[in-house]
């Protein structure tokens, strides 16, 4: 019994030290402004995480909008749900670049939807903007990097931005407040399992 009490006391002491550290960080965080989140890496779940943030914002009564690059020819379960709650969607709707195989058409489609994105990035009434798969537009030079960075940096001060996609540009990472890298450990598709409606798309 004494052994158990000592373990409990040690555990309580560790948790108290942890609580003190967390409380100190919370007290030190006093700045309030919109943040830029970049979710990159080769693993599955980047867009899913971005959409989760959109759902969270809407659940708290905030306004949100989504701009989708690359994807758009498949049905989108998130869109089906979020549009019912007032979330705007602007979709490139060309599908994957390896399917279109037409650089000129892809650039035109990217720039067309980017015009809508820029409007959102100047709109103080939009609390959060998801730029889904934007990283590819920068990697492929479909959009001008400096123009994109300038639009993000000069957005309304309290607007939050979430950018998803593989291979995020170094300059994009530099202006981000939070960067998460999703790594692939195992993927069902690599084992020959079809992409599943409601889980993968």
Protein backbone atom coordinates (compact mmCIF):
# COMPACT_ATOMS: atom_id res chain seq x y z
CA UNK A 1 0.00 0.00 0.00
CA UNK A 2 2.88 2.36 0.85
CA UNK A 3 4.36 1.53 -2.56
CA UNK A 4 1.14 2.56 -4.30
CA UNK A 5 0.99 5.80 -2.31
CA UNK A 6 4.57 6.67 -3.31
CA UNK A 7 3.76 6.01 -6.98
CA UNK A 8 0.68 8.20 -6.73
CA UNK A 9 2.68 10.97 -5.06
CA UNK A 10 5.40 10.82 -7.75
CA UNK A 11 2.75 10.85 -10.47
CA UNK A 12 1.00 13.83 -8.89
CA UNK A 13 4.30 15.70 -8.59
CA UNK A 14 5.13 15.04 -12.28
CA UNK A 15 1.69 16.17 -13.40
CA UNK A 16 1.94 19.31 -11.26
CA UNK A 17 5.29 20.22 -12.87
CA UNK A 18 3.75 19.65 -16.30
CA UNK A 19 0.71 21.76 -15.38
CA UNK A 20 2.97 24.59 -14.18
CA UNK A 21 4.83 24.59 -17.54
CA UNK A 22 1.61 24.55 -19.56
CA UNK A 23 0.05 27.29 -17.42
CA UNK A 24 3.17 29.44 -17.87
CA UNK A 25 2.96 29.07 -21.67
CA UNK A 26 -0.75 29.91 -21.67
CA UNK A 27 -0.11 33.03 -19.57
CA UNK A 28 2.76 34.10 -21.86
CA UNK A 29 0.61 33.81 -25.02
CA UNK A 30 -1.11 37.20 -25.10
CA UNK A 31 -1.11 38.10 -28.83
CA UNK A 32 -4.42 37.74 -30.69
CA UNK A 33 -4.35 37.63 -34.50
CA UNK A 34 -5.04 35.32 -37.40
CA UNK A 35 -2.50 32.55 -37.95
CA UNK A 36 -1.17 30.72 -40.98
CA UNK A 37 -1.15 26.93 -40.72
CA UNK A 38 0.67 24.79 -43.28
CA UNK A 39 -0.03 21.05 -43.38
CA UNK A 40 2.48 19.32 -45.64
CA UNK A 41 4.32 16.01 -46.05
CA UNK A 42 3.82 12.79 -48.00
CA UNK A 43 1.26 11.14 -45.72
CA UNK A 44 -2.51 10.88 -46.02
CA UNK A 45 -4.62 13.34 -44.06
CA UNK A 46 -3.47 16.84 -45.01
CA UNK A 47 -6.72 17.94 -46.63
CA UNK A 48 -8.68 16.01 -44.01
CA UNK A 49 -6.93 18.01 -41.29
CA UNK A 50 -7.61 21.25 -43.13
CA UNK A 51 -11.29 20.41 -43.48
CA UNK A 52 -11.40 19.46 -39.80
CA UNK A 53 -10.20 22.97 -38.97
CA UNK A 54 -12.91 24.43 -41.21
CA UNK A 55 -15.55 22.30 -39.47
CA UNK A 56 -14.26 23.40 -36.07
CA UNK A 57 -14.42 27.07 -37.06
CA UNK A 58 -17.97 26.75 -38.36
CA UNK A 59 -18.93 24.83 -35.22
CA UNK A 60 -17.83 27.87 -33.21
CA UNK A 61 -19.93 30.20 -35.35
CA UNK A 62 -17.07 31.55 -37.46
CA UNK A 63 -17.24 32.07 -41.22
CA UNK A 64 -15.08 29.93 -43.47
CA UNK A 65 -14.34 29.45 -47.15
CA UNK A 66 -12.52 26.76 -49.11
CA UNK A 67 -10.47 27.05 -52.30
CA UNK A 68 -9.59 23.66 -53.80
CA UNK A 69 -6.71 23.31 -56.24
CA UNK A 70 -5.83 20.10 -58.16
CA UNK A 71 -8.85 18.07 -57.00
CA UNK A 72 -12.42 18.81 -57.87
CA UNK A 73 -13.66 16.19 -60.31
CA UNK A 74 -14.53 13.71 -57.54
CA UNK A 75 -17.51 14.08 -55.23
CA UNK A 76 -16.39 15.83 -52.04
CA UNK A 77 -18.04 14.68 -48.83
CA UNK A 78 -16.70 17.68 -46.93
CA UNK A 79 -18.20 20.05 -49.46
CA UNK A 80 -21.56 18.26 -49.29
CA UNK A 81 -21.59 18.87 -45.53
CA UNK A 82 -19.96 22.27 -45.16
CA UNK A 83 -21.91 24.10 -47.87
CA UNK A 84 -25.05 23.34 -45.86
CA UNK A 85 -23.52 25.49 -43.11
CA UNK A 86 -22.71 28.50 -45.27
CA UNK A 87 -19.15 27.60 -46.22
CA UNK A 88 -18.16 28.97 -49.64
CA UNK A 89 -16.32 26.68 -52.06
CA UNK A 90 -14.26 27.71 -55.10
CA UNK A 91 -12.97 24.66 -56.95
CA UNK A 92 -10.38 24.38 -59.72
CA UNK A 93 -12.26 21.25 -60.87
CA UNK A 94 -9.65 19.98 -63.31
CA UNK A 95 -8.66 16.87 -61.38
CA UNK A 96 -5.08 15.74 -60.93
CA UNK A 97 -2.39 17.14 -63.24
CA UNK A 98 -1.37 13.67 -64.42
CA UNK A 99 -4.94 13.24 -65.68
CA UNK A 100 -5.26 16.56 -67.53
CA UNK A 101 -1.73 16.47 -69.01
CA UNK A 102 -2.33 19.99 -70.27
CA UNK A 103 -0.14 22.56 -68.54
CA UNK A 104 -1.67 25.55 -70.30
CA UNK A 105 -5.22 24.58 -69.33
CA UNK A 106 -4.15 23.79 -65.76
CA UNK A 107 -2.47 27.19 -65.38
CA UNK A 108 -5.57 28.95 -66.69
CA UNK A 109 -7.80 26.99 -64.27
CA UNK A 110 -5.45 27.69 -61.35
CA UNK A 111 -5.33 31.40 -62.08
CA UNK A 112 -9.10 31.58 -62.45
CA UNK A 113 -9.71 30.08 -59.01
CA UNK A 114 -6.84 32.15 -57.55
CA UNK A 115 -8.80 35.30 -58.47
CA UNK A 116 -11.55 34.04 -56.13
CA UNK A 117 -8.99 33.16 -53.46
CA UNK A 118 -7.58 36.69 -53.53
CA UNK A 119 -11.06 38.12 -52.94
CA UNK A 120 -11.43 35.91 -49.86
CA UNK A 121 -7.99 36.97 -48.61
CA UNK A 122 -9.18 40.59 -48.66
CA UNK A 123 -12.56 39.93 -47.04
CA UNK A 124 -12.68 40.82 -43.33
CA UNK A 125 -15.98 38.95 -42.95
CA UNK A 126 -14.26 35.59 -43.63
CA UNK A 127 -12.62 34.26 -40.48
CA UNK A 128 -10.84 31.27 -42.01
CA UNK A 129 -9.74 30.32 -45.52
CA UNK A 130 -8.59 26.83 -46.50
CA UNK A 131 -6.28 26.82 -49.54
CA UNK A 132 -6.40 23.11 -50.23
CA UNK A 133 -3.49 21.71 -52.32
CA UNK A 134 -2.08 25.21 -52.92
CA UNK A 135 1.48 23.92 -52.56
CA UNK A 136 1.31 22.19 -55.96
CA UNK A 137 0.36 25.44 -57.68
CA UNK A 138 3.60 26.94 -56.40
CA UNK A 139 5.75 23.88 -57.15
CA UNK A 140 4.48 23.72 -60.74
CA UNK A 141 4.73 27.52 -61.20
CA UNK A 142 1.03 27.75 -62.02
CA UNK A 143 0.78 30.73 -59.67
CA UNK A 144 3.32 33.44 -58.88
CA UNK A 145 4.94 32.65 -55.52
CA UNK A 146 5.48 36.29 -54.49
CA UNK A 147 1.90 37.21 -55.34
CA UNK A 148 0.55 34.33 -53.25
CA UNK A 149 2.78 35.12 -50.29
CA UNK A 150 1.89 38.81 -50.48
CA UNK A 151 -1.84 38.03 -50.49
CA UNK A 152 -1.47 35.78 -47.44
CA UNK A 153 0.73 38.20 -45.49
CA UNK A 154 -1.50 41.21 -46.22
CA UNK A 155 -4.83 39.53 -45.42
CA UNK A 156 -7.11 40.97 -42.69
CA UNK A 157 -5.26 40.79 -39.37
CA UNK A 158 -7.67 38.37 -37.69
CA UNK A 159 -8.15 36.02 -40.64
CA UNK A 160 -6.77 32.48 -40.32
CA UNK A 161 -5.30 30.59 -43.28
CA UNK A 162 -4.79 26.85 -43.70
CA UNK A 163 -2.63 25.65 -46.61
CA UNK A 164 -2.35 21.97 -47.50
CA UNK A 165 -0.27 19.91 -49.92
CA UNK A 166 3.02 18.13 -50.37
CA UNK A 167 6.34 19.89 -50.78
CA UNK A 168 5.46 23.24 -49.25
CA UNK A 169 7.80 25.96 -50.53
CA UNK A 170 10.46 27.16 -48.08
CA UNK A 171 9.17 30.75 -48.25
CA UNK A 172 5.64 29.57 -47.43
CA UNK A 173 7.00 27.72 -44.39
CA UNK A 174 8.81 30.88 -43.31
CA UNK A 175 5.64 32.99 -43.15
CA UNK A 176 3.62 30.22 -41.46
CA UNK A 177 2.91 30.32 -37.72
CA UNK A 178 2.27 26.59 -37.45
CA UNK A 179 3.68 23.86 -39.70
CA UNK A 180 2.75 20.19 -39.46
CA UNK A 181 4.33 17.46 -41.57
CA UNK A 182 2.24 14.35 -42.19
CA UNK A 183 4.40 11.28 -42.80
CA UNK A 184 3.29 8.06 -44.47
CA UNK A 185 3.98 4.88 -42.50
CA UNK A 186 1.55 2.64 -44.39
CA UNK A 187 -1.25 3.28 -46.90
CA UNK A 188 -3.99 0.84 -47.92
CA UNK A 189 -3.78 1.97 -51.56
CA UNK A 190 -0.19 0.72 -51.78
CA UNK A 191 -1.50 -2.73 -50.84
CA UNK A 192 -4.05 -2.64 -53.65
CA UNK A 193 -7.06 -1.46 -51.63
CA UNK A 194 -9.38 0.89 -53.54
CA UNK A 195 -9.94 4.44 -52.29
CA UNK A 196 -13.06 4.31 -50.14
CA UNK A 197 -15.98 6.72 -50.35
CA UNK A 198 -16.47 8.51 -47.05
CA UNK A 199 -12.97 7.62 -45.83
CA UNK A 200 -10.51 8.55 -48.58
CA UNK A 201 -12.77 11.03 -50.41
